[in-house]
Each structure stands twice: as C-alpha cells, then as structure tokens.
C-alpha atoms as a PDB file:
ATOM      1  CA  MET A   1      21.155   4.924  12.890  1.00  0.00           C
ATOM      2  CA  ASN A   2      17.852   6.666  13.757  1.00  0.00           C
ATOM      3  CA  LYS A   3      14.839   4.309  14.439  1.00  0.00           C
ATOM      4  CA  LYS A   4      12.754   6.910  12.128  1.00  0.00           C
ATOM      5  CA  ILE A   5      15.298   6.260   9.080  1.00  0.00           C
ATOM      6  CA  ILE A   6      15.319   2.560   9.783  1.00  0.00           C
ATOM      7  CA  LEU A   7      11.635   2.539   9.665  1.00  0.00           C
ATOM      8  CA  ILE A   8      11.545   4.664   6.343  1.00  0.00           C
ATOM      9  CA  LEU A   9      14.022   2.591   4.683  1.00  0.00           C
ATOM     10  CA  SER A  10      12.480  -0.674   6.152  1.00  0.00           C
ATOM     11  CA  LEU A  11       9.127   0.443   4.831  1.00  0.00           C
ATOM     12  CA  LEU A  12      10.258   1.424   1.321  1.00  0.00           C
ATOM     13  CA  ILE A  13      12.187  -1.959   0.814  1.00  0.00           C
ATOM     14  CA  ILE A  14       9.021  -3.990   2.241  1.00  0.00           C
ATOM     15  CA  GLY A  15       6.857  -2.437  -0.331  1.00  0.00           C
ATOM     16  CA  VAL A  16       9.094  -3.126  -3.330  1.00  0.00           C
ATOM     17  CA  VAL A  17      10.356  -6.327  -2.429  1.00  0.00           C
ATOM     18  CA  GLY A  18       6.629  -7.191  -1.626  1.00  0.00           C
ATOM     19  CA  ARG A  19       5.429  -6.091  -4.988  1.00  0.00           C
ATOM     20  CA  LEU A  20       8.044  -7.778  -6.975  1.00  0.00           C
ATOM     21  CA  VAL A  21       8.536 -11.349  -5.536  1.00  0.00           C
ATOM     22  CA  PRO A  22       5.719 -13.728  -6.600  1.00  0.00           C
ATOM     23  CA  HIS A  23       2.564 -13.058  -4.901  1.00  0.00           C
ATOM     24  CA  PRO A  24      -1.375 -14.009  -5.352  1.00  0.00           C
ATOM     25  CA  PRO A  25      -2.902 -11.018  -7.572  1.00  0.00           C
ATOM     26  CA  ASN A  26      -2.952  -7.352  -5.164  1.00  0.00           C
ATOM     27  CA  VAL A  27      -1.542  -9.225  -2.149  1.00  0.00           C
ATOM     28  CA  THR A  28       0.847  -6.436  -1.619  1.00  0.00           C
ATOM     29  CA  PRO A  29       2.066  -4.383   1.249  1.00  0.00           C
ATOM     30  CA  ILE A  30       1.255  -1.074   0.042  1.00  0.00           C
ATOM     31  CA  ILE A  31      -1.784   0.004   1.888  1.00  0.00           C
ATOM     32  CA  ALA A  32      -0.353  -1.239   5.200  1.00  0.00           C
ATOM     33  CA  ILE A  33       2.567   1.070   4.552  1.00  0.00           C
ATOM     34  CA  ALA A  34       0.266   3.628   4.243  1.00  0.00           C
ATOM     35  CA  LEU A  35      -1.391   2.969   7.113  1.00  0.00           C
ATOM     36  CA  LEU A  36       1.630   2.608   9.484  1.00  0.00           C
ATOM     37  CA  ALA A  37       3.411   5.320   7.770  1.00  0.00           C
ATOM     38  CA  ALA A  38       0.441   7.553   8.572  1.00  0.00           C
ATOM     39  CA  HIS A  39       0.390   6.742  12.294  1.00  0.00           C
ATOM     40  CA  ALA A  40       4.116   6.656  12.845  1.00  0.00           C
ATOM     41  CA  PHE A  41       5.322   9.826  11.509  1.00  0.00           C
ATOM     42  CA  LYS A  42       3.712  13.109  12.333  1.00  0.00           C
ATOM     43  CA  ASN A  43       5.084  14.863   9.269  1.00  0.00           C
ATOM     44  CA  LYS A  44       2.283  14.014   6.517  1.00  0.00           C
ATOM     45  CA  TRP A  45       4.377  14.613   3.835  1.00  0.00           C
ATOM     46  CA  ILE A  46       6.742  11.790   5.090  1.00  0.00           C
ATOM     47  CA  ALA A  47       3.958   9.826   5.340  1.00  0.00           C
ATOM     48  CA  ILE A  48       2.564  10.171   2.192  1.00  0.00           C
ATOM     49  CA  LEU A  49       6.354  10.089   0.309  1.00  0.00           C
ATOM     50  CA  ILE A  50       6.835   6.652   2.089  1.00  0.00           C
ATOM     51  CA  PRO A  51       4.105   4.488   0.362  1.00  0.00           C
ATOM     52  CA  LEU A  52       4.143   6.373  -3.068  1.00  0.00           C
ATOM     53  CA  THR A  53       7.888   6.128  -3.332  1.00  0.00           C
ATOM     54  CA  GLY A  54       7.683   2.599  -2.460  1.00  0.00           C
ATOM     55  CA  MET A  55       4.732   2.046  -5.487  1.00  0.00           C
ATOM     56  CA  TRP A  56       6.364   4.117  -7.828  1.00  0.00           C
ATOM     57  CA  ILE A  57      10.123   2.429  -7.410  1.00  0.00           C
ATOM     58  CA  SER A  58       8.460  -0.858  -7.765  1.00  0.00           C
ATOM     59  CA  ASP A  59       6.074   0.320 -10.752  1.00  0.00           C
ATOM     60  CA  LEU A  60       9.361   1.667 -12.482  1.00  0.00           C
ATOM     61  CA  ILE A  61      10.974  -1.877 -12.358  1.00  0.00           C
ATOM     62  CA  ILE A  62       7.386  -3.870 -13.112  1.00  0.00           C
ATOM     63  CA  ASN A  63       6.704  -1.670 -16.031  1.00  0.00           C
ATOM     64  CA  ASN A  64       9.956  -1.423 -17.581  1.00  0.00           C
ATOM     65  CA  TYR A  65      11.539  -4.808 -16.906  1.00  0.00           C
ATOM     66  CA  LEU A  66       9.009  -7.237 -16.002  1.00  0.00           C
ATOM     67  CA  TYR A  67       6.599  -6.611 -18.479  1.00  0.00           C
ATOM     68  CA  ALA A  68       8.975  -4.407 -20.814  1.00  0.00           C
ATOM     69  CA  GLY A  69       7.156  -5.939 -23.719  1.00  0.00           C
ATOM     70  CA  TYR A  70       4.045  -4.265 -23.411  1.00  0.00           C
ATOM     71  CA  TYR A  71       5.612  -0.534 -23.660  1.00  0.00           C
ATOM     72  CA  ASP A  72       7.302   0.569 -26.369  1.00  0.00           C
ATOM     73  CA  LYS A  73       9.287   3.106 -24.449  1.00  0.00           C
ATOM     74  CA  PHE A  74      10.243   3.762 -20.810  1.00  0.00           C
ATOM     75  CA  VAL A  75       7.336   4.115 -18.847  1.00  0.00           C
ATOM     76  CA  PHE A  76       7.361   6.352 -15.586  1.00  0.00           C
ATOM     77  CA  PHE A  77       3.815   6.448 -15.010  1.00  0.00           C
ATOM     78  CA  SER A  78       1.431   3.579 -16.254  1.00  0.00           C
ATOM     79  CA  ASN A  79      -2.203   4.047 -17.164  1.00  0.00           C
ATOM     80  CA  GLY A  80      -4.313   4.343 -14.018  1.00  0.00           C
ATOM     81  CA  SER A  81      -1.641   5.536 -11.680  1.00  0.00           C
ATOM     82  CA  LEU A  82      -3.303   8.625 -11.114  1.00  0.00           C
ATOM     83  CA  TRP A  83      -6.249   6.388  -9.685  1.00  0.00           C
ATOM     84  CA  ILE A  84      -3.871   4.161  -7.694  1.00  0.00           C
ATOM     85  CA  TYR A  85      -1.926   6.768  -6.343  1.00  0.00           C
ATOM     86  CA  GLY A  86      -4.937   8.786  -5.290  1.00  0.00           C
ATOM     87  CA  ALA A  87      -6.263   5.621  -3.540  1.00  0.00           C
ATOM     88  CA  ILE A  88      -3.050   5.172  -1.605  1.00  0.00           C
ATOM     89  CA  LEU A  89      -3.128   9.136  -0.637  1.00  0.00           C
ATOM     90  CA  LEU A  90      -6.967   8.470   0.753  1.00  0.00           C
ATOM     91  CA  ALA A  91      -5.157   5.199   2.607  1.00  0.00           C
ATOM     92  CA  VAL A  92      -2.764   7.762   4.419  1.00  0.00           C
ATOM     93  CA  LEU A  93      -5.342   9.943   5.442  1.00  0.00           C
ATOM     94  CA  ILE A  94      -7.390   6.782   6.304  1.00  0.00           C
ATOM     95  CA  GLY A  95      -4.551   5.877   8.529  1.00  0.00           C
ATOM     96  CA  LYS A  96      -4.227   9.443   9.867  1.00  0.00           C
ATOM     97  CA  VAL A  97      -8.075   9.615  11.054  1.00  0.00           C
ATOM     98  CA  LEU A  98      -8.456   6.098  12.291  1.00  0.00           C
ATOM     99  CA  ILE A  99      -5.081   4.920  14.194  1.00  0.00           C
ATOM    100  CA  ARG A 100      -4.759   7.227  17.242  1.00  0.00           C
ATOM    101  CA  ASN A 101      -3.593   4.266  19.457  1.00  0.00           C
ATOM    102  CA  ILE A 102      -2.257   0.875  17.932  1.00  0.00           C
ATOM    103  CA  LYS A 103      -5.252  -1.682  18.834  1.00  0.00           C
ATOM    104  CA  LEU A 104      -6.238  -4.565  16.972  1.00  0.00           C
ATOM    105  CA  SER A 105      -9.735  -2.980  16.363  1.00  0.00           C
ATOM    106  CA  THR A 106      -8.507   0.129  14.686  1.00  0.00           C
ATOM    107  CA  VAL A 107      -5.913  -1.645  12.713  1.00  0.00           C
ATOM    108  CA  PHE A 108      -8.443  -3.787  11.227  1.00  0.00           C
ATOM    109  CA  LEU A 109     -11.096  -0.923  10.551  1.00  0.00           C
ATOM    110  CA  SER A 110      -8.373   1.086   8.711  1.00  0.00           C
ATOM    111  CA  SER A 111      -6.938  -1.856   6.707  1.00  0.00           C
ATOM    112  CA  PHE A 112     -10.493  -2.853   5.641  1.00  0.00           C
ATOM    113  CA  SER A 113     -11.903   0.752   4.788  1.00  0.00           C
ATOM    114  CA  ALA A 114      -8.383   1.405   2.864  1.00  0.00           C
ATOM    115  CA  SER A 115      -9.001  -1.714   0.645  1.00  0.00           C
ATOM    116  CA  PHE A 116     -12.600  -1.188   0.221  1.00  0.00           C
ATOM    117  CA  PHE A 117     -12.070   2.572  -1.139  1.00  0.00           C
ATOM    118  CA  PHE A 118      -8.853   1.407  -2.807  1.00  0.00           C
ATOM    119  CA  PHE A 119     -11.155  -1.112  -4.879  1.00  0.00           C
ATOM    120  CA  ILE A 120     -13.913   1.329  -5.485  1.00  0.00           C
ATOM    121  CA  ILE A 121     -11.298   4.128  -6.824  1.00  0.00           C
ATOM    122  CA  THR A 122      -9.450   2.054  -8.893  1.00  0.00           C
ATOM    123  CA  ASN A 123     -12.010   0.184 -10.435  1.00  0.00           C
ATOM    124  CA  PHE A 124     -13.714   3.203 -10.908  1.00  0.00           C
ATOM    125  CA  GLY A 125     -10.554   4.247 -13.214  1.00  0.00           C
ATOM    126  CA  VAL A 126     -10.469   1.023 -14.895  1.00  0.00           C
ATOM    127  CA  TRP A 127     -14.007   1.746 -15.976  1.00  0.00           C
ATOM    128  CA  LEU A 128     -13.717   4.974 -17.191  1.00  0.00           C
ATOM    129  CA  SER A 129     -10.373   4.714 -18.802  1.00  0.00           C
ATOM    130  CA  ASN A 130     -10.525   1.304 -20.536  1.00  0.00           C
ATOM    131  CA  MET A 131     -12.509   0.535 -23.465  1.00  0.00           C
ATOM    132  CA  MET A 132     -13.085  -2.936 -22.129  1.00  0.00           C
ATOM    133  CA  TYR A 133     -16.028  -1.857 -20.423  1.00  0.00           C
ATOM    134  CA  PRO A 134     -19.351  -0.038 -21.852  1.00  0.00           C
ATOM    135  CA  LYS A 135     -19.514   3.563 -20.267  1.00  0.00           C
ATOM    136  CA  SER A 136     -23.142   2.836 -18.625  1.00  0.00           C
ATOM    137  CA  LEU A 137     -24.209   1.820 -15.542  1.00  0.00           C
ATOM    138  CA  LEU A 138     -24.141  -1.986 -16.319  1.00  0.00           C
ATOM    139  CA  GLY A 139     -20.588  -1.509 -17.555  1.00  0.00           C
ATOM    140  CA  LEU A 140     -19.553  -0.012 -14.415  1.00  0.00           C
ATOM    141  CA  ILE A 141     -21.261  -3.217 -12.770  1.00  0.00           C
ATOM    142  CA  GLU A 142     -19.706  -5.368 -14.705  1.00  0.00           C
ATOM    143  CA  CYS A 143     -16.190  -4.049 -14.047  1.00  0.00           C
ATOM    144  CA  TYR A 144     -16.817  -3.784 -10.139  1.00  0.00           C
ATOM    145  CA  THR A 145     -18.369  -7.802 -10.327  1.00  0.00           C
ATOM    146  CA  LEU A 146     -15.374  -9.280 -12.250  1.00  0.00           C
ATOM    147  CA  ALA A 147     -12.998  -7.304  -9.960  1.00  0.00           C
ATOM    148  CA  ILE A 148     -14.124  -9.062  -6.618  1.00  0.00           C
ATOM    149  CA  PRO A 149     -12.166 -11.783  -6.576  1.00  0.00           C
ATOM    150  CA  PHE A 150      -8.805  -9.121  -6.723  1.00  0.00           C
ATOM    151  CA  PHE A 151     -10.669  -7.304  -3.644  1.00  0.00           C
ATOM    152  CA  GLY A 152     -10.798 -10.424  -1.916  1.00  0.00           C
ATOM    153  CA  ASN A 153      -7.175 -11.144  -2.126  1.00  0.00           C
ATOM    154  CA  ALA A 154      -6.502  -7.319  -1.653  1.00  0.00           C
ATOM    155  CA  LEU A 155      -8.583  -7.184   1.497  1.00  0.00           C
ATOM    156  CA  ILE A 156      -6.835 -10.735   2.970  1.00  0.00           C
ATOM    157  CA  GLY A 157      -3.000  -9.358   2.045  1.00  0.00           C
ATOM    158  CA  ASP A 158      -3.964  -5.735   3.824  1.00  0.00           C
ATOM    159  CA  LEU A 159      -5.047  -7.010   6.647  1.00  0.00           C
ATOM    160  CA  ILE A 160      -2.349  -9.697   7.169  1.00  0.00           C
ATOM    161  CA  TYR A 161       0.170  -7.282   6.474  1.00  0.00           C
ATOM    162  CA  SER A 162      -1.469  -4.394   8.295  1.00  0.00           C
ATOM    163  CA  VAL A 163      -1.354  -6.791  11.404  1.00  0.00           C
ATOM    164  CA  ALA A 164       2.414  -7.747  10.998  1.00  0.00           C
ATOM    165  CA  LEU A 165       3.450  -4.292  10.272  1.00  0.00           C
ATOM    166  CA  PHE A 166       1.677  -2.933  13.303  1.00  0.00           C
ATOM    167  CA  THR A 167       2.866  -5.547  15.599  1.00  0.00           C
ATOM    168  CA  SER A 168       6.298  -5.111  14.614  1.00  0.00           C
ATOM    169  CA  TYR A 169       6.220  -1.281  14.886  1.00  0.00           C
ATOM    170  CA  SER A 170       4.863  -1.787  18.136  1.00  0.00           C
ATOM    171  CA  LEU A 171       7.467  -4.581  19.390  1.00  0.00           C
ATOM    172  CA  VAL A 172      10.191  -2.170  17.999  1.00  0.00           C
ATOM    173  CA  PHE A 173       9.239   1.285  18.974  1.00  0.00           C
ATOM    174  CA  SER A 174       7.585   0.129  22.359  1.00  0.00           C
ATOM    175  CA  ASN A 175      10.052   1.310  25.872  1.00  0.00           C
ATOM    176  CA  ARG A 176      10.691  -2.168  26.018  1.00  0.00           C
ATOM    177  CA  PHE A 177      12.658  -3.257  23.425  1.00  0.00           C
ATOM    178  CA  GLU A 178      15.751  -1.763  21.895  1.00  0.00           C
ATOM    179  CA  LEU A 179      18.140  -2.552  19.034  1.00  0.00           C
ATOM    180  CA  ASN A 180      21.334  -3.795  19.911  1.00  0.00           C
ATOM    181  CA  THR A 181      24.332  -1.848  18.979  1.00  0.00           C
ATOM    182  CA  ALA A 182      27.868  -2.461  19.167  1.00  0.00           C
ATOM    183  CA  GLY A 183      29.003  -2.862  22.554  1.00  0.00           C
ATOM    184  CA  ASN A 184      25.764  -2.954  24.206  1.00  0.00           C
ATOM    185  CA  THR A 185      24.510  -6.527  25.055  1.00  0.00           C
ATOM    186  CA  LYS A 186      21.311  -6.311  27.149  1.00  0.00           C
END
C-alpha cells in the first residue's frame, strides 16, 4: 500500500482514537495532525480534510454516543463547531507557512502558535455564543481566564503529539527507513 495512503489512514485513526480514549481535558492529537498534514501533503484539500475528518468522526461518536443524553436528536455538528473547525483550518495554514523543513524549532513554533490561536478563537466563540458570560469586556476576560488551565493542557498535548508525529513521520519517510513488505527482509 502507498505510504501516503497509510499516512492518511494512520492520521485519521490517531485523531479519532486520540479523542476517544480517556485523556486529560484538551490533550488530543488534532492540532498536531493538522500541522503534519499541512507539511506532508502538497494538496491543500487533503491537508485540510485529514484533521477536519478526524475531528468530525470523533465528534459524531462523542456527541451521539458518549454524551447522547445532552442532545434530543442525532447531532452532526455541535454548538461551537464553526469556531473549532475554523481554528483547525488555521492550524493547517500555520503548518503550511511555518514548517518548510522539519526541525525541532519549527515544530515547536508551529505547535505553540496553533495552540495559542486555537485558544483565542475557540474561547472567543464560547464567549460570543454562550449565555454563561456577560457580553462585555469583563465577560470576555473572564471567559479567557477560566480557560487558561485548558490552554495549558492543550499546549502540552499539542507539543508532545507534534514532536511524536513529526519524529515518526521523519523516520518512516526518510530514505533510510523502509516498511517491510512480504518477501523483503532488509
């Protein structure tokens, strides 16, 4: 099977499973997947569809099975999906712009940047669409302040997943490493 197809399927599986297994809040591989897909695929649509598809499939399972009691019907997109998916799209763009060559510094910078913008965008969406916070500057500050612990988790998770995924990708896609195929015993 083609390495690119294996990569697509692997990233989708990692994305879905990484959101479904028990984990600390906001420690998921989706941002790291968006960054790696942006680097690994010249076709921008493939780079965009991989993290969004992984997020959407896991959202379907989370919203309609794990948290089905919170909804009165099947949910294709939950409140806030637009903000979340938009932030993931921005992460793909950050990966396209910042990661020309895989270096620890560019992986860290892109991961930090994507995490930061994800925090800013999604929490603005929470403030804007949620009745929990007053629609004032103080309400916005309160929303961001209460979200800081989640940002810490997301930042750590995004950095760890990014380093792990980019390291794995570099090993598998370097010329020094080949996937064993039947009959090939290098």
